[in-house]
């Protein structure tokens, strides 16, 4: 081997050692990973009141305060499947989302994509219909919208129809025609009379009732034990959780603060949520719709795990989900540590309460 070659190899080895030393001493990415802190966390949520803990957490700065030097990048979605796709593809790191997209993500990834780390919202969804529709039987031959095929409200409607002897296929056929429409489109379509109803989350439910004289045929909480079911919870990608556990814990701190604020500062919390909605959509909710929507919701750190398992069974029953083992879908350890430190009771991931 020539002396020139030996010198080149020596220089390369020196450069590698130097690069390793720089990474250990001050390379941003490795230093962030070693400490469990990320430079940025990309958080998804929806511009509706069922995501009020996210709305308030962003608007009041609870997340950013808790995250400290980590930058919060908030991104909005209109339905769960889109948010789930973003999480799985790596476009976001965590998101507020409904139970059924979370179940689908767990199933599709064979338990590798995500963890549910906190509850957020219970209630606030249901079936609003035209006047004159007074029972499930009256829905036969009608057009009913849901936000997206396979989303939480879509599964709820299909399960309700099946329990009442009605069928609906995934192409819009059957006894009841189910049309996938984002919430804003469904509200407008209902006002114009081009659909007969919609199974929607708040504030769209209250908009349809108060602005278009709709009738609440089914308040979904009436279908669940003690009126409690998970509408929204907080999930994180397993990759991000593994790499940046300290950042996830700080995100949870901001989440707990936001939920607490919603529970204890009614009018001010509503204003904060509405201000964030206005910033996202360009238009705040009317006072009567805002009040009606909040009255129909409960905000909680408890993920109400028992209802998730039931939602999975509903999705299986309507052929939107193959049987799936949900064991391990929750990681509530960090949340319960924070709740204990705050003097609050722990929450459970048990299938039955």
Protein backbone atom coordinates (compact mmCIF):
# COMPACT_ATOMS: atom_id res chain seq x y z
CA UNK A 1 0.00 0.00 0.00
CA UNK A 2 1.48 3.41 -0.97
CA UNK A 3 2.29 6.13 1.52
CA UNK A 4 -0.29 8.36 -0.21
CA UNK A 5 -2.99 5.74 0.35
CA UNK A 6 -2.02 5.35 4.01
CA UNK A 7 -2.21 9.11 4.51
CA UNK A 8 -5.66 9.23 2.89
CA UNK A 9 -6.94 6.44 5.14
CA UNK A 10 -5.52 8.18 8.22
CA UNK A 11 -7.20 11.45 7.26
CA UNK A 12 -10.53 9.68 6.69
CA UNK A 13 -10.29 7.94 10.06
CA UNK A 14 -9.47 11.25 11.77
CA UNK A 15 -12.46 12.91 10.08
CA UNK A 16 -14.78 10.12 11.26
CA UNK A 17 -13.53 10.43 14.85
CA UNK A 18 -13.95 14.21 14.71
CA UNK A 19 -17.46 13.90 13.30
CA UNK A 20 -18.37 11.43 16.05
CA UNK A 21 -16.99 13.77 18.70
CA UNK A 22 -18.98 16.71 17.31
CA UNK A 23 -22.17 14.64 17.28
CA UNK A 24 -21.59 13.57 20.87
CA UNK A 25 -20.76 17.08 22.03
CA UNK A 26 -23.18 19.23 20.11
CA UNK A 27 -24.77 17.67 17.04
CA UNK A 28 -28.37 18.83 17.29
CA UNK A 29 -30.14 15.65 16.18
CA UNK A 30 -28.14 13.19 18.29
CA UNK A 31 -28.16 15.48 21.31
CA UNK A 32 -31.92 15.84 21.02
CA UNK A 33 -32.40 12.09 20.74
CA UNK A 34 -30.09 11.31 23.67
CA UNK A 35 -31.97 13.68 25.98
CA UNK A 36 -35.39 12.52 24.81
CA UNK A 37 -36.15 16.02 23.50
CA UNK A 38 -37.14 16.80 19.93
CA UNK A 39 -36.51 20.08 18.14
CA UNK A 40 -40.08 20.06 16.79
CA UNK A 41 -43.28 18.13 17.35
CA UNK A 42 -45.93 18.14 14.63
CA UNK A 43 -49.39 17.83 16.21
CA UNK A 44 -52.59 17.14 14.28
CA UNK A 45 -56.10 18.13 15.30
CA UNK A 46 -59.45 19.04 13.74
CA UNK A 47 -61.19 22.43 13.57
CA UNK A 48 -64.22 21.34 15.57
CA UNK A 49 -65.32 21.49 19.18
CA UNK A 50 -64.78 17.78 19.85
CA UNK A 51 -61.09 18.69 19.65
CA UNK A 52 -61.44 21.53 22.16
CA UNK A 53 -58.45 20.38 24.28
CA UNK A 54 -56.29 20.87 21.18
CA UNK A 55 -57.99 24.16 20.25
CA UNK A 56 -57.51 25.55 23.75
CA UNK A 57 -54.03 24.09 24.16
CA UNK A 58 -52.85 25.84 21.00
CA UNK A 59 -54.73 29.09 21.60
CA UNK A 60 -53.71 29.52 25.24
CA UNK A 61 -50.15 28.35 24.63
CA UNK A 62 -50.40 25.42 27.06
CA UNK A 63 -48.60 23.07 24.67
CA UNK A 64 -45.81 25.45 23.77
CA UNK A 65 -45.24 26.44 27.41
CA UNK A 66 -44.96 22.80 28.44
CA UNK A 67 -42.75 21.92 25.47
CA UNK A 68 -40.22 24.63 26.28
CA UNK A 69 -37.51 24.75 23.62
CA UNK A 70 -39.30 22.22 21.41
CA UNK A 71 -41.30 23.98 18.69
CA UNK A 72 -44.96 23.03 18.26
CA UNK A 73 -46.13 22.75 14.65
CA UNK A 74 -49.91 22.32 14.63
CA UNK A 75 -51.63 20.92 11.53
CA UNK A 76 -55.38 20.52 10.96
CA UNK A 77 -57.39 17.74 9.31
CA UNK A 78 -61.08 17.29 8.50
CA UNK A 79 -61.42 13.58 9.30
CA UNK A 80 -59.62 10.79 11.10
CA UNK A 81 -58.46 8.66 8.16
CA UNK A 82 -56.54 11.63 6.71
CA UNK A 83 -54.88 12.37 10.05
CA UNK A 84 -54.00 8.70 10.48
CA UNK A 85 -52.43 8.58 7.02
CA UNK A 86 -50.31 11.61 7.93
CA UNK A 87 -49.16 9.94 11.15
CA UNK A 88 -48.27 6.65 9.49
CA UNK A 89 -46.44 8.40 6.64
CA UNK A 90 -44.39 10.46 9.11
CA UNK A 91 -45.92 13.81 8.12
CA UNK A 92 -47.02 14.35 11.75
CA UNK A 93 -45.85 12.93 15.07
CA UNK A 94 -49.03 12.94 17.17
CA UNK A 95 -52.68 13.76 16.63
CA UNK A 96 -56.04 14.11 18.27
CA UNK A 97 -58.28 11.59 16.54
CA UNK A 98 -61.38 9.45 16.95
CA UNK A 99 -61.30 5.81 18.08
CA UNK A 100 -61.97 4.04 14.79
CA UNK A 101 -59.12 5.53 12.76
CA UNK A 102 -56.79 4.71 15.67
CA UNK A 103 -58.06 1.13 15.64
CA UNK A 104 -57.59 0.96 11.86
CA UNK A 105 -54.03 2.27 12.15
CA UNK A 106 -53.23 -0.30 14.80
CA UNK A 107 -54.68 -3.07 12.65
CA UNK A 108 -53.01 -1.97 9.39
CA UNK A 109 -49.59 -1.66 11.03
CA UNK A 110 -49.95 -4.88 13.07
CA UNK A 111 -49.55 -2.85 16.26
CA UNK A 112 -46.45 -0.96 15.17
CA UNK A 113 -47.66 2.51 14.15
CA UNK A 114 -49.15 4.23 17.17
CA UNK A 115 -50.02 4.34 20.84
CA UNK A 116 -53.02 5.97 22.51
CA UNK A 117 -51.56 8.12 25.27
CA UNK A 118 -54.55 10.08 26.66
CA UNK A 119 -58.25 10.66 26.46
CA UNK A 120 -59.65 13.99 25.36
CA UNK A 121 -63.37 14.17 24.69
CA UNK A 122 -66.52 12.16 25.36
CA UNK A 123 -69.88 12.71 23.69
CA UNK A 124 -70.80 15.38 21.18
CA UNK A 125 -71.94 13.34 18.19
CA UNK A 126 -75.20 12.06 16.81
CA UNK A 127 -77.68 11.73 13.96
CA UNK A 128 -79.51 14.89 12.89
CA UNK A 129 -82.36 14.43 10.42
CA UNK A 130 -85.13 16.35 8.68
CA UNK A 131 -88.38 16.93 10.52
CA UNK A 132 -90.76 14.05 9.88
CA UNK A 133 -88.13 11.35 10.37
CA UNK A 134 -89.10 9.95 13.75
CA UNK A 135 -87.51 6.49 13.95
CA UNK A 136 -84.83 4.28 12.49
CA UNK A 137 -87.46 2.71 10.20
CA UNK A 138 -88.08 6.12 8.65
CA UNK A 139 -84.48 6.22 7.43
CA UNK A 140 -85.13 3.62 4.75
CA UNK A 141 -84.53 5.13 1.32
CA UNK A 142 -82.92 8.25 2.79
CA UNK A 143 -79.53 9.88 2.14
CA UNK A 144 -77.40 10.28 5.26
CA UNK A 145 -73.92 11.81 5.36
CA UNK A 146 -70.92 10.91 7.50
CA UNK A 147 -67.53 12.67 7.47
CA UNK A 148 -65.58 9.86 5.79
CA UNK A 149 -65.88 6.13 5.17
CA UNK A 150 -64.50 4.31 8.21
CA UNK A 151 -64.30 7.35 10.46
CA UNK A 152 -65.78 7.24 13.96
CA UNK A 153 -69.17 8.71 13.05
CA UNK A 154 -69.41 6.54 9.94
CA UNK A 155 -68.95 3.38 12.00
CA UNK A 156 -71.45 4.63 14.59
CA UNK A 157 -74.12 5.19 11.94
CA UNK A 158 -73.55 1.84 10.26
CA UNK A 159 -73.70 0.02 13.59
CA UNK A 160 -76.90 1.87 14.51
CA UNK A 161 -78.54 0.99 11.20
CA UNK A 162 -77.55 -2.67 11.50
CA UNK A 163 -78.91 -2.86 15.04
CA UNK A 164 -82.20 -1.62 13.63
CA UNK A 165 -82.35 -4.11 10.76
CA UNK A 166 -81.17 -1.74 8.03
CA UNK A 167 -78.22 -2.23 5.69
CA UNK A 168 -75.90 0.20 3.93
CA UNK A 169 -73.02 -0.75 1.67
CA UNK A 170 -69.74 1.11 1.19
CA UNK A 171 -70.76 2.39 -2.26
CA UNK A 172 -73.79 4.35 -1.07
CA UNK A 173 -76.34 1.61 -1.75
CA UNK A 174 -78.61 -0.47 0.47
CA UNK A 175 -81.60 0.47 2.60
CA UNK A 176 -79.92 3.74 3.55
CA UNK A 177 -77.55 5.62 1.26
CA UNK A 178 -74.51 6.76 3.25
CA UNK A 179 -72.60 9.59 1.60
CA UNK A 180 -69.05 10.53 2.65
CA UNK A 181 -68.94 14.33 3.00
CA UNK A 182 -66.70 16.54 5.10
CA UNK A 183 -68.57 18.24 7.92
CA UNK A 184 -68.86 21.68 6.30
CA UNK A 185 -70.26 20.15 3.11
CA UNK A 186 -72.76 18.04 5.06
CA UNK A 187 -74.01 21.05 7.02
CA UNK A 188 -74.52 22.98 3.78
CA UNK A 189 -76.12 20.03 2.00
CA UNK A 190 -78.56 19.54 4.88
CA UNK A 191 -79.48 23.24 4.83
CA UNK A 192 -80.14 23.00 1.08
CA UNK A 193 -82.19 19.82 1.46
CA UNK A 194 -79.96 17.61 -0.70
CA UNK A 195 -79.43 15.10 2.14
CA UNK A 196 -81.90 13.86 4.72
CA UNK A 197 -79.52 13.89 7.65
CA UNK A 198 -75.99 13.33 8.88
CA UNK A 199 -74.18 11.63 11.75
CA UNK A 200 -71.78 14.38 12.73
CA UNK A 201 -69.67 15.66 15.63
CA UNK A 202 -70.10 19.01 17.32
CA UNK A 203 -70.38 21.86 16.47
CA UNK A 204 -71.94 20.59 13.24
CA UNK A 205 -74.66 18.76 15.15
CA UNK A 206 -75.79 21.98 16.85
CA UNK A 207 -75.49 23.96 13.60
CA UNK A 208 -77.85 21.59 11.83
CA UNK A 209 -80.35 21.67 14.71
CA UNK A 210 -80.31 25.42 15.40
CA UNK A 211 -79.70 26.87 11.93
CA UNK A 212 -81.52 24.37 9.70
CA UNK A 213 -84.27 23.21 12.08
CA UNK A 214 -82.90 19.68 12.12
CA UNK A 215 -84.08 17.05 14.56
CA UNK A 216 -81.67 15.13 16.77
CA UNK A 217 -82.88 11.59 16.17
CA UNK A 218 -79.96 9.92 17.97
CA UNK A 219 -77.71 11.49 20.57
CA UNK A 220 -74.88 8.97 20.52
CA UNK A 221 -74.24 9.18 24.26
CA UNK A 222 -77.66 7.57 24.78
CA UNK A 223 -76.27 4.41 23.18
CA UNK A 224 -73.42 3.99 25.69
CA UNK A 225 -73.18 2.92 29.35
CA UNK A 226 -73.35 5.97 31.63
CA UNK A 227 -73.48 8.12 28.50
CA UNK A 228 -69.69 7.91 28.15
CA UNK A 229 -67.76 7.00 25.01
CA UNK A 230 -64.54 8.17 23.46
CA UNK A 231 -65.07 10.74 20.73
CA UNK A 232 -61.50 11.99 20.61
CA UNK A 233 -58.24 10.83 22.14
CA UNK A 234 -54.56 11.64 21.71
CA UNK A 235 -52.25 9.26 19.84
CA UNK A 236 -48.54 9.39 19.04
CA UNK A 237 -46.40 7.51 16.55
CA UNK A 238 -44.43 4.75 18.23
CA UNK A 239 -41.29 5.90 16.45
CA UNK A 240 -41.58 9.40 17.93
CA UNK A 241 -42.49 8.04 21.36
CA UNK A 242 -39.43 5.79 21.37
CA UNK A 243 -37.07 8.53 20.17
CA UNK A 244 -38.42 11.46 22.19
CA UNK A 245 -40.21 10.23 25.33
CA UNK A 246 -39.46 13.46 27.21
CA UNK A 247 -41.11 15.53 24.49
CA UNK A 248 -44.18 13.29 24.53
CA UNK A 249 -44.42 13.70 28.30
CA UNK A 250 -44.26 17.48 27.92
CA UNK A 251 -46.97 17.34 25.26
CA UNK A 252 -49.07 15.44 27.79
CA UNK A 253 -48.41 18.14 30.38
CA UNK A 254 -49.85 20.71 28.00
CA UNK A 255 -52.79 18.42 27.27
CA UNK A 256 -53.60 17.94 30.96
CA UNK A 257 -53.45 21.69 31.50
CA UNK A 258 -55.82 22.27 28.60
CA UNK A 259 -58.35 19.67 29.80
CA UNK A 260 -58.24 21.13 33.29
CA UNK A 261 -58.84 24.61 31.89
CA UNK A 262 -61.86 23.35 29.95
CA UNK A 263 -63.23 21.70 33.08
CA UNK A 264 -62.82 24.73 35.35
CA UNK A 265 -63.08 27.83 33.15
CA UNK A 266 -66.31 27.32 31.23
CA UNK A 267 -66.96 30.68 29.56
CA UNK A 268 -63.29 31.59 29.08
CA UNK A 269 -62.50 28.12 27.72
CA UNK A 270 -65.34 28.42 25.22
CA UNK A 271 -64.00 31.79 24.08
CA UNK A 272 -60.49 30.38 23.66
CA UNK A 273 -61.76 27.41 21.64
CA UNK A 274 -63.89 29.69 19.49
CA UNK A 275 -61.02 32.09 18.91
CA UNK A 276 -58.89 29.22 17.63
CA UNK A 277 -61.71 28.01 15.40
CA UNK A 278 -61.98 31.52 13.97
CA UNK A 279 -58.25 31.60 13.33
CA UNK A 280 -58.44 28.27 11.50
CA UNK A 281 -61.67 28.72 9.53
CA UNK A 282 -62.03 32.49 9.33
CA UNK A 283 -65.36 32.40 11.12
CA UNK A 284 -66.17 31.94 14.82
CA UNK A 285 -69.19 29.97 15.97
CA UNK A 286 -72.32 31.85 16.95
CA UNK A 287 -72.80 32.09 20.71
CA UNK A 288 -75.87 29.84 20.78
CA UNK A 289 -74.16 27.10 18.75
CA UNK A 290 -71.02 27.34 20.86
CA UNK A 291 -73.01 26.97 24.09
CA UNK A 292 -75.11 24.09 22.73
CA UNK A 293 -72.05 22.23 21.50
CA UNK A 294 -70.18 22.53 24.80
CA UNK A 295 -73.25 21.37 26.70
CA UNK A 296 -73.14 18.14 24.72
CA UNK A 297 -69.47 17.39 25.49
CA UNK A 298 -67.33 16.18 28.37
CA UNK A 299 -63.57 16.76 28.41
CA UNK A 300 -61.47 14.15 30.16
CA UNK A 301 -57.97 12.67 30.30
CA UNK A 302 -59.62 9.25 30.61
CA UNK A 303 -59.58 7.50 27.21
CA UNK A 304 -62.69 5.48 28.20
CA UNK A 305 -60.94 2.37 26.91
CA UNK A 306 -63.98 0.11 27.24
CA UNK A 307 -65.76 2.09 24.52
CA UNK A 308 -62.79 1.71 22.16
CA UNK A 309 -63.06 -2.07 22.31
CA UNK A 310 -66.79 -1.81 21.65
CA UNK A 311 -66.16 0.53 18.70
CA UNK A 312 -63.78 -2.06 17.25
CA UNK A 313 -66.49 -4.69 17.53
CA UNK A 314 -68.95 -2.34 15.80
CA UNK A 315 -66.49 -1.83 12.93
CA UNK A 316 -66.08 -5.60 12.60
CA UNK A 317 -69.84 -6.07 12.60
CA UNK A 318 -70.28 -3.71 9.63
CA UNK A 319 -67.36 -5.21 7.66
CA UNK A 320 -65.09 -2.19 8.01
CA UNK A 321 -62.54 -4.02 10.15
CA UNK A 322 -61.18 -7.54 10.30
CA UNK A 323 -60.81 -9.04 13.79
CA UNK A 324 -57.89 -7.36 15.54
CA UNK A 325 -56.07 -7.85 18.83
CA UNK A 326 -55.95 -4.44 20.52
CA UNK A 327 -53.71 -5.54 23.37
CA UNK A 328 -50.95 -2.95 23.75
CA UNK A 329 -52.69 -0.14 21.87
CA UNK A 330 -52.56 2.04 25.01
CA UNK A 331 -49.50 3.49 26.71
CA UNK A 332 -50.95 5.40 29.66
CA UNK A 333 -47.87 5.19 31.90
CA UNK A 334 -46.60 8.74 31.23
CA UNK A 335 -50.11 10.19 31.57
CA UNK A 336 -50.72 8.44 34.88
CA UNK A 337 -47.37 9.63 36.23
CA UNK A 338 -48.38 13.21 35.45
CA UNK A 339 -51.90 12.77 36.82
CA UNK A 340 -50.51 11.34 40.06
CA UNK A 341 -48.11 14.27 40.41
CA UNK A 342 -51.09 16.58 39.92
CA UNK A 343 -53.14 14.80 42.58
CA UNK A 344 -55.55 13.28 40.06
CA UNK A 345 -56.66 9.63 39.86
CA UNK A 346 -55.07 7.26 37.38
CA UNK A 347 -56.95 6.18 34.25
CA UNK A 348 -57.31 2.64 32.93
CA UNK A 349 -56.78 0.82 29.66
CA UNK A 350 -59.10 -2.02 30.65
CA UNK A 351 -61.61 -3.37 28.17
CA UNK A 352 -64.43 -3.16 30.72
CA UNK A 353 -64.83 -0.63 33.51
